[in-house]
Amino acid sequence: MYKTEWTTEWTHPTPELNKQQEELLEKEVAYISDELDKASDLIFHTVFLTEDMSGAIVIVDGREGYDDTLFLTYYEKPNWVTLDEMED
């Protein structure tokens, strides 16, 4: 399984996940690890920590030069944007 590292920018603090959320995230990281040859191949993967689409999420991404590490960014309240909104 790949190592993980939280991104800890001031806008994305390291979260305190409950046990269920930790297990879910670990399961998703294990799945990603089994599917990829190297962590840097991952563009991104969204892990929903609640059943509510407006609830907390973790974005898992790979980065060039880091073949054994996945990066985790926590969003307490994601701001969803449609493709139409991005084109404006």
Protein backbone atom coordinates (compact mmCIF):
# COMPACT_ATOMS: atom_id res chain seq x y z
CA MET A 1 0.00 0.00 0.00
CA TYR A 2 1.27 3.48 -0.84
CA LYS A 3 2.28 5.93 1.85
CA THR A 4 -0.02 8.91 2.38
CA GLU A 5 0.73 12.51 3.23
CA TRP A 6 -1.78 15.17 4.22
CA THR A 7 -1.53 18.51 2.50
CA THR A 8 -1.58 21.07 5.27
CA GLU A 9 -2.06 24.42 3.62
CA TRP A 10 -3.81 26.98 5.81
CA THR A 11 -7.06 26.48 3.87
CA HIS A 12 -6.94 22.70 4.19
CA PRO A 13 -6.16 21.66 7.76
CA THR A 14 -5.33 18.09 8.71
CA PRO A 15 -8.70 16.71 9.81
CA GLU A 16 -9.67 14.67 12.82
CA LEU A 17 -11.54 11.78 11.25
CA ASN A 18 -13.70 9.39 13.24
CA LYS A 19 -12.91 5.67 13.18
CA GLN A 20 -15.43 4.92 10.42
CA GLN A 21 -14.02 7.69 8.20
CA GLU A 22 -10.44 6.53 8.83
CA GLU A 23 -11.39 2.98 7.84
CA LEU A 24 -13.14 4.20 4.70
CA LEU A 25 -10.15 6.29 3.67
CA GLU A 26 -7.75 3.42 4.35
CA LYS A 27 -9.92 1.10 2.24
CA GLU A 28 -9.93 3.56 -0.66
CA VAL A 29 -6.14 4.04 -0.46
CA ALA A 30 -5.66 0.26 -0.43
CA TYR A 31 -7.89 -0.06 -3.51
CA ILE A 32 -5.98 2.68 -5.34
CA SER A 33 -2.69 1.06 -4.37
CA ASP A 34 -3.78 -2.25 -5.86
CA GLU A 35 -4.92 -0.63 -9.13
CA LEU A 36 -1.92 1.57 -9.96
CA ASP A 37 1.66 0.75 -10.90
CA LYS A 38 2.84 3.89 -9.13
CA ALA A 39 1.14 6.56 -7.02
CA SER A 40 2.10 9.35 -9.42
CA ASP A 41 -0.21 7.80 -12.06
CA LEU A 42 -3.27 8.95 -10.09
CA ILE A 43 -4.86 12.19 -11.30
CA PHE A 44 -7.32 12.36 -8.39
CA HIS A 45 -9.90 10.32 -6.50
CA THR A 46 -12.68 11.70 -4.30
CA VAL A 47 -13.52 9.96 -1.02
CA PHE A 48 -16.90 10.98 0.41
CA LEU A 49 -16.70 10.83 4.21
CA THR A 50 -20.47 11.18 4.67
CA GLU A 51 -23.53 10.18 2.68
CA ASP A 52 -24.32 13.87 2.16
CA MET A 53 -22.84 15.23 -1.12
CA SER A 54 -22.30 18.53 0.67
CA GLY A 55 -20.43 16.84 3.50
CA ALA A 56 -16.72 16.42 4.09
CA ILE A 57 -14.52 14.84 1.43
CA VAL A 58 -10.89 13.91 0.93
CA ILE A 59 -9.27 14.37 -2.47
CA VAL A 60 -6.53 11.79 -3.05
CA ASP A 61 -4.00 12.66 -5.74
CA GLY A 62 -0.68 11.53 -7.08
CA ARG A 63 2.16 13.90 -7.86
CA GLU A 64 5.01 13.70 -10.32
CA GLY A 65 8.20 12.52 -8.68
CA TYR A 66 6.37 10.77 -5.81
CA ASP A 67 5.90 7.21 -7.00
CA ASP A 68 5.23 5.75 -3.54
CA THR A 69 3.09 8.49 -1.92
CA LEU A 70 -0.52 9.61 -2.32
CA PHE A 71 -1.48 13.09 -1.17
CA LEU A 72 -4.64 13.76 0.81
CA THR A 73 -6.51 17.08 0.95
CA TYR A 74 -9.47 17.50 3.27
CA TYR A 75 -12.46 19.67 2.42
CA GLU A 76 -15.01 20.13 5.20
CA LYS A 77 -17.52 21.78 2.85
CA PRO A 78 -16.69 21.19 -0.82
CA ASN A 79 -17.67 23.84 -3.35
CA TRP A 80 -18.98 21.90 -6.35
CA VAL A 81 -18.73 23.63 -9.71
CA THR A 82 -20.30 22.44 -12.97
CA LEU A 83 -18.36 22.35 -16.22
CA ASP A 84 -20.59 25.14 -17.55
CA GLU A 85 -19.60 27.35 -14.62
CA MET A 86 -15.92 26.63 -15.24
CA GLU A 87 -16.19 27.73 -18.87
CA ASP A 88 -17.67 31.15 -17.96
